[in-house]
Amino acid sequence: MATSKDKADKALSPTEQRKAREAAKLKENLKRRKQQARARRAGDAESESGIPAARDPEMK
């Protein structure tokens, strides 16, 4: 069953659909980056993130 959002997406041109998808991706990216910044400020950032070879072996 189609929802009102599905109907609205179908009414948009392909260019408008692409712009809407890009806007949603940017919004999600901003949300994730803000979450990461908050975690870093609070000292809760993951120490095991990133490429293992790039990490300092003396820091654990």
N, C-alpha and C. Protein backbone atom coordinates (compact mmCIF):
# COMPACT_ATOMS: atom_id res chain seq x y z
N MET A 1 0.85 -1.18 0.00
CA MET A 1 0.00 0.00 0.00
C MET A 1 0.89 1.24 0.00
N ALA A 2 0.56 2.18 -0.84
CA ALA A 2 1.36 3.40 -0.97
C ALA A 2 0.97 4.40 0.11
N THR A 3 1.98 4.98 0.71
CA THR A 3 1.73 6.01 1.72
C THR A 3 1.71 7.37 1.04
N SER A 4 1.37 8.39 1.79
CA SER A 4 1.34 9.74 1.22
C SER A 4 2.74 10.18 0.82
N LYS A 5 3.77 9.70 1.54
CA LYS A 5 5.15 10.04 1.18
C LYS A 5 5.50 9.42 -0.17
N ASP A 6 5.09 8.17 -0.39
CA ASP A 6 5.35 7.51 -1.67
C ASP A 6 4.67 8.26 -2.81
N LYS A 7 3.46 8.68 -2.59
CA LYS A 7 2.73 9.43 -3.60
C LYS A 7 3.41 10.76 -3.90
N ALA A 8 3.92 11.40 -2.86
CA ALA A 8 4.60 12.68 -3.04
C ALA A 8 5.91 12.49 -3.80
N ASP A 9 6.64 11.40 -3.53
CA ASP A 9 7.88 11.13 -4.22
C ASP A 9 7.64 10.88 -5.71
N LYS A 10 6.56 10.19 -6.04
CA LYS A 10 6.26 9.89 -7.43
C LYS A 10 5.86 11.15 -8.19
N ALA A 11 5.33 12.14 -7.50
CA ALA A 11 4.90 13.37 -8.14
C ALA A 11 6.10 14.26 -8.48
N LEU A 12 7.24 14.02 -7.88
CA LEU A 12 8.43 14.83 -8.11
C LEU A 12 9.12 14.39 -9.40
N SER A 13 9.75 15.34 -10.05
CA SER A 13 10.55 15.01 -11.23
C SER A 13 11.81 14.28 -10.78
N PRO A 14 12.49 13.61 -11.69
CA PRO A 14 13.73 12.91 -11.29
C PRO A 14 14.76 13.85 -10.66
N THR A 15 14.86 15.07 -11.15
CA THR A 15 15.79 16.04 -10.58
C THR A 15 15.38 16.39 -9.16
N GLU A 16 14.10 16.58 -8.95
CA GLU A 16 13.61 16.92 -7.60
C GLU A 16 13.79 15.74 -6.66
N GLN A 17 13.59 14.52 -7.16
CA GLN A 17 13.80 13.33 -6.34
C GLN A 17 15.26 13.22 -5.90
N ARG A 18 16.17 13.48 -6.84
CA ARG A 18 17.61 13.43 -6.53
C ARG A 18 17.96 14.47 -5.48
N LYS A 19 17.43 15.68 -5.65
CA LYS A 19 17.71 16.74 -4.68
C LYS A 19 17.16 16.37 -3.30
N ALA A 20 16.00 15.75 -3.27
CA ALA A 20 15.41 15.34 -1.99
C ALA A 20 16.26 14.26 -1.33
N ARG A 21 16.75 13.30 -2.14
CA ARG A 21 17.63 12.25 -1.59
C ARG A 21 18.93 12.85 -1.06
N GLU A 22 19.51 13.79 -1.82
CA GLU A 22 20.74 14.44 -1.38
C GLU A 22 20.53 15.22 -0.09
N ALA A 23 19.40 15.90 0.00
CA ALA A 23 19.09 16.67 1.21
C ALA A 23 18.96 15.73 2.41
N ALA A 24 18.32 14.58 2.21
CA ALA A 24 18.16 13.62 3.29
C ALA A 24 19.52 13.06 3.72
N LYS A 25 20.39 12.77 2.74
CA LYS A 25 21.73 12.27 3.06
C LYS A 25 22.53 13.31 3.83
N LEU A 26 22.46 14.57 3.39
CA LEU A 26 23.19 15.63 4.08
C LEU A 26 22.69 15.81 5.51
N LYS A 27 21.39 15.72 5.68
CA LYS A 27 20.81 15.86 7.02
C LYS A 27 21.28 14.73 7.93
N GLU A 28 21.28 13.51 7.40
CA GLU A 28 21.72 12.36 8.18
C GLU A 28 23.21 12.46 8.51
N ASN A 29 24.02 12.92 7.54
CA ASN A 29 25.45 13.09 7.76
C ASN A 29 25.71 14.14 8.84
N LEU A 30 24.99 15.25 8.78
CA LEU A 30 25.15 16.30 9.79
C LEU A 30 24.79 15.77 11.17
N LYS A 31 23.71 15.01 11.24
CA LYS A 31 23.27 14.42 12.52
C LYS A 31 24.36 13.51 13.08
N ARG A 32 24.96 12.68 12.21
CA ARG A 32 26.00 11.76 12.65
C ARG A 32 27.25 12.52 13.10
N ARG A 33 27.63 13.56 12.36
CA ARG A 33 28.83 14.33 12.72
C ARG A 33 28.62 15.09 14.03
N LYS A 34 27.42 15.59 14.27
CA LYS A 34 27.14 16.26 15.55
C LYS A 34 27.25 15.26 16.70
N GLN A 35 26.74 14.05 16.47
CA GLN A 35 26.81 13.00 17.49
C GLN A 35 28.27 12.68 17.80
N GLN A 36 29.10 12.59 16.75
CA GLN A 36 30.53 12.31 16.96
C GLN A 36 31.20 13.43 17.73
N ALA A 37 30.88 14.67 17.40
CA ALA A 37 31.47 15.82 18.09
C ALA A 37 31.07 15.82 19.56
N ARG A 38 29.81 15.52 19.85
CA ARG A 38 29.37 15.46 21.25
C ARG A 38 30.12 14.37 22.00
N ALA A 39 30.31 13.22 21.35
CA ALA A 39 31.02 12.11 22.00
C ALA A 39 32.46 12.49 22.29
N ARG A 40 33.09 13.19 21.35
CA ARG A 40 34.48 13.60 21.57
C ARG A 40 34.58 14.59 22.73
N ARG A 41 33.66 15.54 22.79
CA ARG A 41 33.68 16.52 23.88
C ARG A 41 33.48 15.83 25.22
N ALA A 42 32.65 14.81 25.24
CA ALA A 42 32.35 14.10 26.48
C ALA A 42 33.43 13.07 26.82
N GLY A 43 34.36 12.86 25.88
CA GLY A 43 35.40 11.87 26.11
C GLY A 43 34.96 10.45 25.86
N ASP A 44 33.83 10.29 25.17
CA ASP A 44 33.29 8.96 24.91
C ASP A 44 33.61 8.46 23.51
N ALA A 45 34.46 9.14 22.78
CA ALA A 45 34.77 8.73 21.42
C ALA A 45 35.45 7.37 21.44
N GLU A 46 35.19 6.57 20.43
CA GLU A 46 35.77 5.24 20.34
C GLU A 46 37.26 5.35 20.06
N SER A 47 38.05 4.66 20.86
CA SER A 47 39.49 4.68 20.64
C SER A 47 39.88 3.65 19.59
N GLU A 48 39.02 2.72 19.28
CA GLU A 48 39.31 1.66 18.33
C GLU A 48 38.79 1.96 16.93
N SER A 49 38.37 3.18 16.66
CA SER A 49 37.87 3.50 15.33
C SER A 49 39.03 3.86 14.42
N GLY A 50 38.83 3.76 13.15
CA GLY A 50 39.85 4.12 12.18
C GLY A 50 40.60 2.90 11.69
N ILE A 51 41.59 3.16 10.89
CA ILE A 51 42.39 2.09 10.29
C ILE A 51 43.42 1.64 11.32
N PRO A 52 43.50 0.34 11.60
CA PRO A 52 44.43 -0.14 12.62
C PRO A 52 45.88 0.28 12.36
N ALA A 53 46.32 0.28 11.12
CA ALA A 53 47.70 0.64 10.81
C ALA A 53 47.99 2.11 11.08
N ALA A 54 46.96 2.93 11.09
CA ALA A 54 47.14 4.36 11.30
C ALA A 54 47.20 4.73 12.78
N ARG A 55 46.79 3.82 13.64
CA ARG A 55 46.79 4.10 15.08
C ARG A 55 48.19 3.98 15.65
N ASP A 56 48.46 4.76 16.67
CA ASP A 56 49.74 4.70 17.36
C ASP A 56 49.76 3.41 18.20
N PRO A 57 50.74 2.55 18.00
CA PRO A 57 50.77 1.28 18.74
C PRO A 57 50.99 1.46 20.23
N GLU A 58 51.56 2.58 20.65
CA GLU A 58 51.79 2.81 22.07
C GLU A 58 50.55 3.31 22.78
N MET A 59 49.57 3.84 22.02
CA MET A 59 48.32 4.31 22.63
C MET A 59 47.31 3.18 22.63
N LYS A 60 46.75 2.90 23.79
CA LYS A 60 45.72 1.86 23.88
C LYS A 60 44.57 2.33 24.68
